[in-house]
Amino acid sequence: MIDAHCHLYSDKYDHDLDAVIQRARKYLEGVVISAVDPESLQKSLTIRRQHSDFIHVTAGVHPRTAATLKKEKLAQLWQTIKNVKEEIVAVGEVGPDFHHTRDPRLRQRQLVVLEESMTQAENLHLPLVIHARQAEAAALEVVAGCKTPVLFHCFAGPRQVARQITRFGFYLSFSAILLFSSELQKVATEVPLELILTETDSPALSPRRDRRRNEPAFLETIISRLAGLRQHPQEKIAAITAANARRFYGLTAYPNA
């Protein structure tokens, strides 16, 4: 199993990050950390350098930041990403979040930054990870012609949009929202299995109601639910989604895979 998207740089792990990673190693073959600004990128890279056989990093800009980010700051971010290209596996997360952003001008700015991010990903020959909340169709319209692989992380959008996304050969990643949304469960049964990844998006979205903080080791709960929905053995779903993550991110060096 591979946790395709999480945020281990969060201060919620400051007191026990090593223990969290050791628990993840018991169940998973890899974890992808998604950095959303220069500070989280540097912290993520520090974690990766200490666990280079297990941790991978993506670099992007969070939608709520992108909405108000000055052009010169964005240019600095792209330069930072270029400087660490050999240490990252994707550009993102980035994209529109219409749930939190209501102002039409700020929404448009998020889409402009997404388009810039697509260009950066293409130029760097890296895949693109999209955050699109209540804005999946708008994001798809921007990236429909993307020349590099695309992942809609933590997908929770409508079935018809999921079908459109996968028709382009783009990937979807499911989080613990899959456990509680009947509409999303229908999506998970319909889209091609070879285009599905799984993620925790931790520390948010814990699948365990008794735990406020999520962590990568909890990914198995999502895999188990997906296996039930697809009527396949859990081991098969774990293997397929891990292979999909390796293919999307270009990961190859997993001695225990």
C-alpha atoms as a PDB file:
ATOM      1  CA  MET A   1       0.000   0.000   0.000  1.00  0.00           C
ATOM      2  CA  ILE A   2       1.090   3.563  -0.708  1.00  0.00           C
ATOM      3  CA  ASP A   3      -0.356   6.640   0.967  1.00  0.00           C
ATOM      4  CA  ALA A   4      -0.538   8.840  -2.125  1.00  0.00           C
ATOM      5  CA  HIS A   5      -1.092  12.141  -0.299  1.00  0.00           C
ATOM      6  CA  CYS A   6      -0.495  13.344   3.255  1.00  0.00           C
ATOM      7  CA  HIS A   7       1.034  16.219   5.235  1.00  0.00           C
ATOM      8  CA  LEU A   8       3.570  14.833   7.694  1.00  0.00           C
ATOM      9  CA  TYR A   9       5.161  18.263   8.059  1.00  0.00           C
ATOM     10  CA  SER A  10       2.110  19.334  10.103  1.00  0.00           C
ATOM     11  CA  ASP A  11       2.795  20.514  13.641  1.00  0.00           C
ATOM     12  CA  LYS A  12       0.329  17.856  14.767  1.00  0.00           C
ATOM     13  CA  TYR A  13       3.204  15.386  14.332  1.00  0.00           C
ATOM     14  CA  ASP A  14       5.896  17.469  15.999  1.00  0.00           C
ATOM     15  CA  HIS A  15       5.973  15.372  19.175  1.00  0.00           C
ATOM     16  CA  ASP A  16       5.948  11.879  17.631  1.00  0.00           C
ATOM     17  CA  LEU A  17       6.803  12.027  13.906  1.00  0.00           C
ATOM     18  CA  ASP A  18       9.339   9.209  14.132  1.00  0.00           C
ATOM     19  CA  ALA A  19       6.756   6.928  15.744  1.00  0.00           C
ATOM     20  CA  VAL A  20       4.186   7.837  13.069  1.00  0.00           C
ATOM     21  CA  ILE A  21       6.638   6.939  10.314  1.00  0.00           C
ATOM     22  CA  GLN A  22       7.600   3.683  12.023  1.00  0.00           C
ATOM     23  CA  ARG A  23       3.933   2.695  12.281  1.00  0.00           C
ATOM     24  CA  ALA A  24       3.496   3.528   8.606  1.00  0.00           C
ATOM     25  CA  ARG A  25       6.456   1.331   7.681  1.00  0.00           C
ATOM     26  CA  LYS A  26       4.709  -1.656   9.273  1.00  0.00           C
ATOM     27  CA  TYR A  27       1.836  -1.443   6.799  1.00  0.00           C
ATOM     28  CA  LEU A  28       2.922   0.602   3.791  1.00  0.00           C
ATOM     29  CA  GLU A  29       5.620   0.510   1.158  1.00  0.00           C
ATOM     30  CA  GLY A  30       5.689   4.272   0.719  1.00  0.00           C
ATOM     31  CA  VAL A  31       4.247   7.654   1.672  1.00  0.00           C
ATOM     32  CA  VAL A  32       3.919  10.820  -0.431  1.00  0.00           C
ATOM     33  CA  ILE A  33       4.006  14.149   1.420  1.00  0.00           C
ATOM     34  CA  SER A  34       2.340  17.098  -0.310  1.00  0.00           C
ATOM     35  CA  ALA A  35       3.988  20.435   0.489  1.00  0.00           C
ATOM     36  CA  VAL A  36       1.875  23.557  -0.047  1.00  0.00           C
ATOM     37  CA  ASP A  37       4.338  26.434   0.439  1.00  0.00           C
ATOM     38  CA  PRO A  38       8.108  27.010   0.687  1.00  0.00           C
ATOM     39  CA  GLU A  39       8.173  26.381   4.431  1.00  0.00           C
ATOM     40  CA  SER A  40       6.338  23.063   4.289  1.00  0.00           C
ATOM     41  CA  LEU A  41       8.453  22.090   1.279  1.00  0.00           C
ATOM     42  CA  GLN A  42      11.688  22.525   3.209  1.00  0.00           C
ATOM     43  CA  LYS A  43      10.320  20.596   6.169  1.00  0.00           C
ATOM     44  CA  SER A  44       9.046  17.829   3.867  1.00  0.00           C
ATOM     45  CA  LEU A  45      12.400  17.539   2.137  1.00  0.00           C
ATOM     46  CA  THR A  46      14.132  17.240   5.497  1.00  0.00           C
ATOM     47  CA  ILE A  47      11.822  14.339   6.367  1.00  0.00           C
ATOM     48  CA  ARG A  48      12.433  12.745   2.969  1.00  0.00           C
ATOM     49  CA  ARG A  49      16.201  12.964   3.331  1.00  0.00           C
ATOM     50  CA  GLN A  50      15.956  11.050   6.599  1.00  0.00           C
ATOM     51  CA  HIS A  51      13.682   8.381   5.061  1.00  0.00           C
ATOM     52  CA  SER A  52      14.595   8.420   1.373  1.00  0.00           C
ATOM     53  CA  ASP A  53      13.659   4.750   0.929  1.00  0.00           C
ATOM     54  CA  PHE A  54      10.095   5.419   2.080  1.00  0.00           C
ATOM     55  CA  ILE A  55       9.105   9.106   1.854  1.00  0.00           C
ATOM     56  CA  HIS A  56       8.467  11.083  -1.351  1.00  0.00           C
ATOM     57  CA  VAL A  57       7.533  14.746  -1.741  1.00  0.00           C
ATOM     58  CA  THR A  58       5.363  16.867  -4.030  1.00  0.00           C
ATOM     59  CA  ALA A  59       5.604  20.661  -4.158  1.00  0.00           C
ATOM     60  CA  GLY A  60       2.758  23.075  -4.795  1.00  0.00           C
ATOM     61  CA  VAL A  61       0.687  25.913  -3.408  1.00  0.00           C
ATOM     62  CA  HIS A  62      -2.512  25.567  -1.423  1.00  0.00           C
ATOM     63  CA  PRO A  63      -5.611  27.017  -3.130  1.00  0.00           C
ATOM     64  CA  ARG A  64      -6.362  29.425  -0.296  1.00  0.00           C
ATOM     65  CA  THR A  65      -2.811  30.750  -0.569  1.00  0.00           C
ATOM     66  CA  ALA A  66      -2.908  30.831  -4.364  1.00  0.00           C
ATOM     67  CA  ALA A  67      -5.999  33.039  -4.313  1.00  0.00           C
ATOM     68  CA  THR A  68      -4.059  35.966  -2.848  1.00  0.00           C
ATOM     69  CA  LEU A  69      -0.424  35.129  -3.664  1.00  0.00           C
ATOM     70  CA  LYS A  70       1.476  37.959  -5.338  1.00  0.00           C
ATOM     71  CA  LYS A  71       2.998  37.243  -8.731  1.00  0.00           C
ATOM     72  CA  GLU A  72       6.544  37.758  -7.481  1.00  0.00           C
ATOM     73  CA  LYS A  73       5.986  35.297  -4.606  1.00  0.00           C
ATOM     74  CA  LEU A  74       4.609  32.744  -7.028  1.00  0.00           C
ATOM     75  CA  ALA A  75       7.633  33.220  -9.283  1.00  0.00           C
ATOM     76  CA  GLN A  76       9.884  32.623  -6.285  1.00  0.00           C
ATOM     77  CA  LEU A  77       7.990  29.417  -5.519  1.00  0.00           C
ATOM     78  CA  TRP A  78       8.451  28.117  -9.069  1.00  0.00           C
ATOM     79  CA  GLN A  79      12.161  28.827  -8.830  1.00  0.00           C
ATOM     80  CA  THR A  80      12.356  26.982  -5.520  1.00  0.00           C
ATOM     81  CA  ILE A  81      10.572  24.000  -7.052  1.00  0.00           C
ATOM     82  CA  LYS A  82      12.951  24.018 -10.024  1.00  0.00           C
ATOM     83  CA  ASN A  83      15.890  24.039  -7.622  1.00  0.00           C
ATOM     84  CA  VAL A  84      14.682  20.848  -5.893  1.00  0.00           C
ATOM     85  CA  LYS A  85      13.281  19.111  -8.973  1.00  0.00           C
ATOM     86  CA  GLU A  86      15.399  16.004  -8.401  1.00  0.00           C
ATOM     87  CA  GLU A  87      13.921  15.600  -4.918  1.00  0.00           C
ATOM     88  CA  ILE A  88      10.228  15.875  -5.756  1.00  0.00           C
ATOM     89  CA  VAL A  89       7.896  13.516  -7.616  1.00  0.00           C
ATOM     90  CA  ALA A  90       5.112  15.917  -8.686  1.00  0.00           C
ATOM     91  CA  VAL A  91       3.912  19.502  -8.825  1.00  0.00           C
ATOM     92  CA  GLY A  92       1.016  20.099  -6.440  1.00  0.00           C
ATOM     93  CA  GLU A  93      -1.196  20.115  -4.693  1.00  0.00           C
ATOM     94  CA  VAL A  94      -2.693  23.101  -6.438  1.00  0.00           C
ATOM     95  CA  GLY A  95      -6.099  24.075  -7.774  1.00  0.00           C
ATOM     96  CA  PRO A  96      -9.431  25.705  -7.053  1.00  0.00           C
ATOM     97  CA  ASP A  97     -11.291  25.420  -3.752  1.00  0.00           C
ATOM     98  CA  PHE A  98     -14.726  26.931  -4.274  1.00  0.00           C
ATOM     99  CA  HIS A  99     -15.918  25.652  -0.880  1.00  0.00           C
ATOM    100  CA  HIS A 100     -13.712  28.060   1.040  1.00  0.00           C
ATOM    101  CA  THR A 101     -13.298  30.706  -1.672  1.00  0.00           C
ATOM    102  CA  ARG A 102     -16.492  32.560  -2.608  1.00  0.00           C
ATOM    103  CA  ASP A 103     -15.163  35.700  -4.294  1.00  0.00           C
ATOM    104  CA  PRO A 104     -15.314  35.195  -8.093  1.00  0.00           C
ATOM    105  CA  ARG A 105     -12.071  37.136  -8.583  1.00  0.00           C
ATOM    106  CA  LEU A 106     -10.196  34.925  -6.107  1.00  0.00           C
ATOM    107  CA  ARG A 107     -11.659  31.819  -7.699  1.00  0.00           C
ATOM    108  CA  GLN A 108     -10.382  32.998 -11.063  1.00  0.00           C
ATOM    109  CA  ARG A 109      -6.962  33.606  -9.549  1.00  0.00           C
ATOM    110  CA  GLN A 110      -6.901  30.007  -8.288  1.00  0.00           C
ATOM    111  CA  LEU A 111      -7.601  28.795 -11.816  1.00  0.00           C
ATOM    112  CA  VAL A 112      -4.859  31.001 -13.243  1.00  0.00           C
ATOM    113  CA  VAL A 113      -2.370  29.550 -10.742  1.00  0.00           C
ATOM    114  CA  LEU A 114      -3.541  26.053 -11.685  1.00  0.00           C
ATOM    115  CA  GLU A 115      -2.855  26.815 -15.341  1.00  0.00           C
ATOM    116  CA  GLU A 116       0.615  28.115 -14.456  1.00  0.00           C
ATOM    117  CA  SER A 117       1.208  24.987 -12.385  1.00  0.00           C
ATOM    118  CA  MET A 118       0.265  22.786 -15.321  1.00  0.00           C
ATOM    119  CA  THR A 119       2.818  24.592 -17.471  1.00  0.00           C
ATOM    120  CA  GLN A 120       5.468  24.174 -14.777  1.00  0.00           C
ATOM    121  CA  ALA A 121       4.691  20.461 -14.446  1.00  0.00           C
ATOM    122  CA  GLU A 122       4.929  19.992 -18.205  1.00  0.00           C
ATOM    123  CA  ASN A 123       8.219  21.884 -18.394  1.00  0.00           C
ATOM    124  CA  LEU A 124       9.680  19.868 -15.509  1.00  0.00           C
ATOM    125  CA  HIS A 125       8.271  16.597 -16.887  1.00  0.00           C
ATOM    126  CA  LEU A 126       6.506  15.938 -13.592  1.00  0.00           C
ATOM    127  CA  PRO A 127       2.920  14.834 -12.883  1.00  0.00           C
ATOM    128  CA  LEU A 128       0.371  17.319 -11.554  1.00  0.00           C
ATOM    129  CA  VAL A 129      -1.616  16.855  -8.317  1.00  0.00           C
ATOM    130  CA  ILE A 130      -4.867  18.818  -8.168  1.00  0.00           C
ATOM    131  CA  HIS A 131      -6.832  19.985  -5.156  1.00  0.00           C
ATOM    132  CA  ALA A 132     -10.341  20.745  -6.386  1.00  0.00           C
ATOM    133  CA  ARG A 133     -13.102  21.104  -3.829  1.00  0.00           C
ATOM    134  CA  GLN A 134     -16.554  21.819  -5.216  1.00  0.00           C
ATOM    135  CA  ALA A 135     -14.631  22.895  -8.314  1.00  0.00           C
ATOM    136  CA  GLU A 136     -13.736  19.646 -10.050  1.00  0.00           C
ATOM    137  CA  ALA A 137     -15.344  20.578 -13.365  1.00  0.00           C
ATOM    138  CA  ALA A 138     -13.643  23.987 -13.411  1.00  0.00           C
ATOM    139  CA  ALA A 139     -10.265  22.407 -12.724  1.00  0.00           C
ATOM    140  CA  LEU A 140     -10.789  19.784 -15.417  1.00  0.00           C
ATOM    141  CA  GLU A 141     -11.568  22.467 -17.973  1.00  0.00           C
ATOM    142  CA  VAL A 142      -8.174  24.055 -17.246  1.00  0.00           C
ATOM    143  CA  VAL A 143      -6.090  20.860 -17.352  1.00  0.00           C
ATOM    144  CA  ALA A 144      -7.944  18.895 -20.030  1.00  0.00           C
ATOM    145  CA  GLY A 145      -5.041  19.275 -22.432  1.00  0.00           C
ATOM    146  CA  CYS A 146      -2.317  18.597 -19.895  1.00  0.00           C
ATOM    147  CA  LYS A 147       0.645  16.731 -21.396  1.00  0.00           C
ATOM    148  CA  THR A 148       1.709  15.163 -18.097  1.00  0.00           C
ATOM    149  CA  PRO A 149      -0.182  12.748 -15.793  1.00  0.00           C
ATOM    150  CA  VAL A 150      -2.865  14.358 -13.619  1.00  0.00           C
ATOM    151  CA  LEU A 151      -4.268  13.280 -10.251  1.00  0.00           C
ATOM    152  CA  PHE A 152      -7.384  14.715  -8.607  1.00  0.00           C
ATOM    153  CA  HIS A 153      -6.468  14.095  -4.990  1.00  0.00           C
ATOM    154  CA  CYS A 154      -9.062  13.468  -2.260  1.00  0.00           C
ATOM    155  CA  PHE A 155     -11.756  13.268  -4.915  1.00  0.00           C
ATOM    156  CA  ALA A 156     -15.286  13.840  -3.625  1.00  0.00           C
ATOM    157  CA  GLY A 157     -17.009  15.273  -6.669  1.00  0.00           C
ATOM    158  CA  PRO A 158     -19.997  14.222  -8.779  1.00  0.00           C
ATOM    159  CA  ARG A 159     -20.118  10.939 -10.675  1.00  0.00           C
ATOM    160  CA  GLN A 160     -20.419  12.602 -14.067  1.00  0.00           C
ATOM    161  CA  VAL A 161     -17.275  14.649 -13.449  1.00  0.00           C
ATOM    162  CA  ALA A 162     -15.420  11.535 -12.278  1.00  0.00           C
ATOM    163  CA  ARG A 163     -16.329   9.873 -15.560  1.00  0.00           C
ATOM    164  CA  GLN A 164     -15.050  12.879 -17.513  1.00  0.00           C
ATOM    165  CA  ILE A 165     -11.792  12.957 -15.556  1.00  0.00           C
ATOM    166  CA  THR A 166     -11.052   9.303 -16.151  1.00  0.00           C
ATOM    167  CA  ARG A 167     -11.964   9.556 -19.841  1.00  0.00           C
ATOM    168  CA  PHE A 168      -8.903  11.798 -20.145  1.00  0.00           C
ATOM    169  CA  GLY A 169      -6.860   9.066 -18.500  1.00  0.00           C
ATOM    170  CA  PHE A 170      -6.462  11.172 -15.357  1.00  0.00           C
ATOM    171  CA  TYR A 171      -6.320   9.591 -11.913  1.00  0.00           C
ATOM    172  CA  LEU A 172      -8.562   9.890  -8.835  1.00  0.00           C
ATOM    173  CA  SER A 173      -7.452   9.387  -5.253  1.00  0.00           C
ATOM    174  CA  PHE A 174      -9.882   8.381  -2.517  1.00  0.00           C
ATOM    175  CA  SER A 175      -9.566   9.310   1.154  1.00  0.00           C
ATOM    176  CA  ALA A 176     -11.623   8.318   4.196  1.00  0.00           C
ATOM    177  CA  ILE A 177     -14.513  10.327   2.734  1.00  0.00           C
ATOM    178  CA  LEU A 178     -15.136   7.089   0.831  1.00  0.00           C
ATOM    179  CA  LEU A 179     -16.226   5.450   4.085  1.00  0.00           C
ATOM    180  CA  PHE A 180     -19.061   7.885   4.707  1.00  0.00           C
ATOM    181  CA  SER A 181     -20.325   9.086   1.297  1.00  0.00           C
ATOM    182  CA  SER A 182     -22.744   6.849  -0.577  1.00  0.00           C
ATOM    183  CA  GLU A 183     -22.366   9.008  -3.698  1.00  0.00           C
ATOM    184  CA  LEU A 184     -18.584   8.632  -3.617  1.00  0.00           C
ATOM    185  CA  GLN A 185     -18.955   4.896  -3.125  1.00  0.00           C
ATOM    186  CA  LYS A 186     -20.876   4.792  -6.407  1.00  0.00           C
ATOM    187  CA  VAL A 187     -18.030   6.673  -8.070  1.00  0.00           C
ATOM    188  CA  ALA A 188     -15.519   4.166  -6.694  1.00  0.00           C
ATOM    189  CA  THR A 189     -17.412   1.258  -8.260  1.00  0.00           C
ATOM    190  CA  GLU A 190     -17.648   2.887 -11.692  1.00  0.00           C
ATOM    191  CA  VAL A 191     -14.250   4.388 -12.507  1.00  0.00           C
ATOM    192  CA  PRO A 192     -11.438   2.239 -13.947  1.00  0.00           C
ATOM    193  CA  LEU A 193      -9.525   0.502 -11.187  1.00  0.00           C
ATOM    194  CA  GLU A 194      -6.235   1.238 -12.927  1.00  0.00           C
ATOM    195  CA  LEU A 195      -6.854   4.986 -12.363  1.00  0.00           C
ATOM    196  CA  ILE A 196      -7.509   4.817  -8.598  1.00  0.00           C
ATOM    197  CA  LEU A 197      -5.065   5.795  -5.845  1.00  0.00           C
ATOM    198  CA  THR A 198      -5.682   5.865  -2.099  1.00  0.00           C
ATOM    199  CA  GLU A 199      -4.586   8.456   0.437  1.00  0.00           C
ATOM    200  CA  THR A 200      -5.070   9.539   4.024  1.00  0.00           C
ATOM    201  CA  ASP A 201      -4.676  13.324   3.512  1.00  0.00           C
ATOM    202  CA  SER A 202      -3.506  13.136   7.110  1.00  0.00           C
ATOM    203  CA  PRO A 203      -3.567  14.671   9.638  1.00  0.00           C
ATOM    204  CA  ALA A 204      -7.113  15.486   8.449  1.00  0.00           C
ATOM    205  CA  LEU A 205      -9.913  13.035   7.593  1.00  0.00           C
ATOM    206  CA  SER A 206      -9.295  10.261  10.098  1.00  0.00           C
ATOM    207  CA  PRO A 207     -11.215   7.080   9.256  1.00  0.00           C
ATOM    208  CA  ARG A 208     -11.384   6.338  12.978  1.00  0.00           C
ATOM    209  CA  ARG A 209     -14.066   8.291  14.771  1.00  0.00           C
ATOM    210  CA  ASP A 210     -12.209   7.880  18.049  1.00  0.00           C
ATOM    211  CA  ARG A 211      -9.108   9.585  16.634  1.00  0.00           C
ATOM    212  CA  ARG A 212      -8.951  13.264  15.797  1.00  0.00           C
ATOM    213  CA  ARG A 213      -5.566  12.978  14.108  1.00  0.00           C
ATOM    214  CA  ASN A 214      -5.174  10.860  11.025  1.00  0.00           C
ATOM    215  CA  GLU A 215      -1.910   9.187   9.962  1.00  0.00           C
ATOM    216  CA  PRO A 216      -0.625   7.080   7.040  1.00  0.00           C
ATOM    217  CA  ALA A 217      -0.891   3.793   8.962  1.00  0.00           C
ATOM    218  CA  PHE A 218      -4.685   4.146   8.813  1.00  0.00           C
ATOM    219  CA  LEU A 219      -4.714   3.755   5.019  1.00  0.00           C
ATOM    220  CA  GLU A 220      -5.714   0.101   5.291  1.00  0.00           C
ATOM    221  CA  THR A 221      -9.229   1.127   6.359  1.00  0.00           C
ATOM    222  CA  ILE A 222      -9.731   2.902   3.032  1.00  0.00           C
ATOM    223  CA  ILE A 223      -8.240   0.012   1.060  1.00  0.00           C
ATOM    224  CA  SER A 224     -10.576  -2.390   2.856  1.00  0.00           C
ATOM    225  CA  ARG A 225     -13.665  -0.326   1.991  1.00  0.00           C
ATOM    226  CA  LEU A 226     -12.600   0.015  -1.634  1.00  0.00           C
ATOM    227  CA  ALA A 227     -12.043  -3.746  -1.826  1.00  0.00           C
ATOM    228  CA  GLY A 228     -15.558  -4.351  -0.551  1.00  0.00           C
ATOM    229  CA  LEU A 229     -17.051  -1.948  -3.062  1.00  0.00           C
ATOM    230  CA  ARG A 230     -15.143  -3.483  -5.964  1.00  0.00           C
ATOM    231  CA  GLN A 231     -15.715  -7.045  -4.694  1.00  0.00           C
ATOM    232  CA  HIS A 232     -12.047  -7.934  -4.848  1.00  0.00           C
ATOM    233  CA  PRO A 233      -9.719  -9.303  -2.151  1.00  0.00           C
ATOM    234  CA  GLN A 234      -8.136  -6.553  -0.090  1.00  0.00           C
ATOM    235  CA  GLU A 235      -4.653  -7.732  -1.072  1.00  0.00           C
ATOM    236  CA  LYS A 236      -5.509  -7.281  -4.759  1.00  0.00           C
ATOM    237  CA  ILE A 237      -6.798  -3.742  -4.259  1.00  0.00           C
ATOM    238  CA  ALA A 238      -3.735  -2.882  -2.173  1.00  0.00           C
ATOM    239  CA  ALA A 239      -1.446  -4.153  -4.918  1.00  0.00           C
ATOM    240  CA  ILE A 240      -3.316  -2.422  -7.754  1.00  0.00           C
ATOM    241  CA  THR A 241      -3.585   0.980  -6.067  1.00  0.00           C
ATOM    242  CA  ALA A 242       0.084   0.824  -5.039  1.00  0.00           C
ATOM    243  CA  ALA A 243       1.056   0.011  -8.622  1.00  0.00           C
ATOM    244  CA  ASN A 244      -1.077   2.939  -9.793  1.00  0.00           C
ATOM    245  CA  ALA A 245       0.715   5.258  -7.363  1.00  0.00           C
ATOM    246  CA  ARG A 246       4.113   4.041  -8.531  1.00  0.00           C
ATOM    247  CA  ARG A 247       3.092   4.583 -12.145  1.00  0.00           C
ATOM    248  CA  PHE A 248       1.657   8.049 -11.563  1.00  0.00           C
ATOM    249  CA  TYR A 249       4.546   9.341  -9.442  1.00  0.00           C
ATOM    250  CA  GLY A 250       7.260   7.453 -11.306  1.00  0.00           C
ATOM    251  CA  LEU A 251       8.322   5.482  -8.238  1.00  0.00           C
ATOM    252  CA  THR A 252      10.349   2.395  -8.925  1.00  0.00           C
ATOM    253  CA  ALA A 253      12.717   1.618  -6.058  1.00  0.00           C
ATOM    254  CA  TYR A 254      10.642  -0.375  -3.611  1.00  0.00           C
ATOM    255  CA  PRO A 255      12.587  -3.427  -2.439  1.00  0.00           C
ATOM    256  CA  ASN A 256       9.655  -4.749  -0.398  1.00  0.00           C
ATOM    257  CA  ALA A 257       6.944  -4.136  -3.014  1.00  0.00           C
END
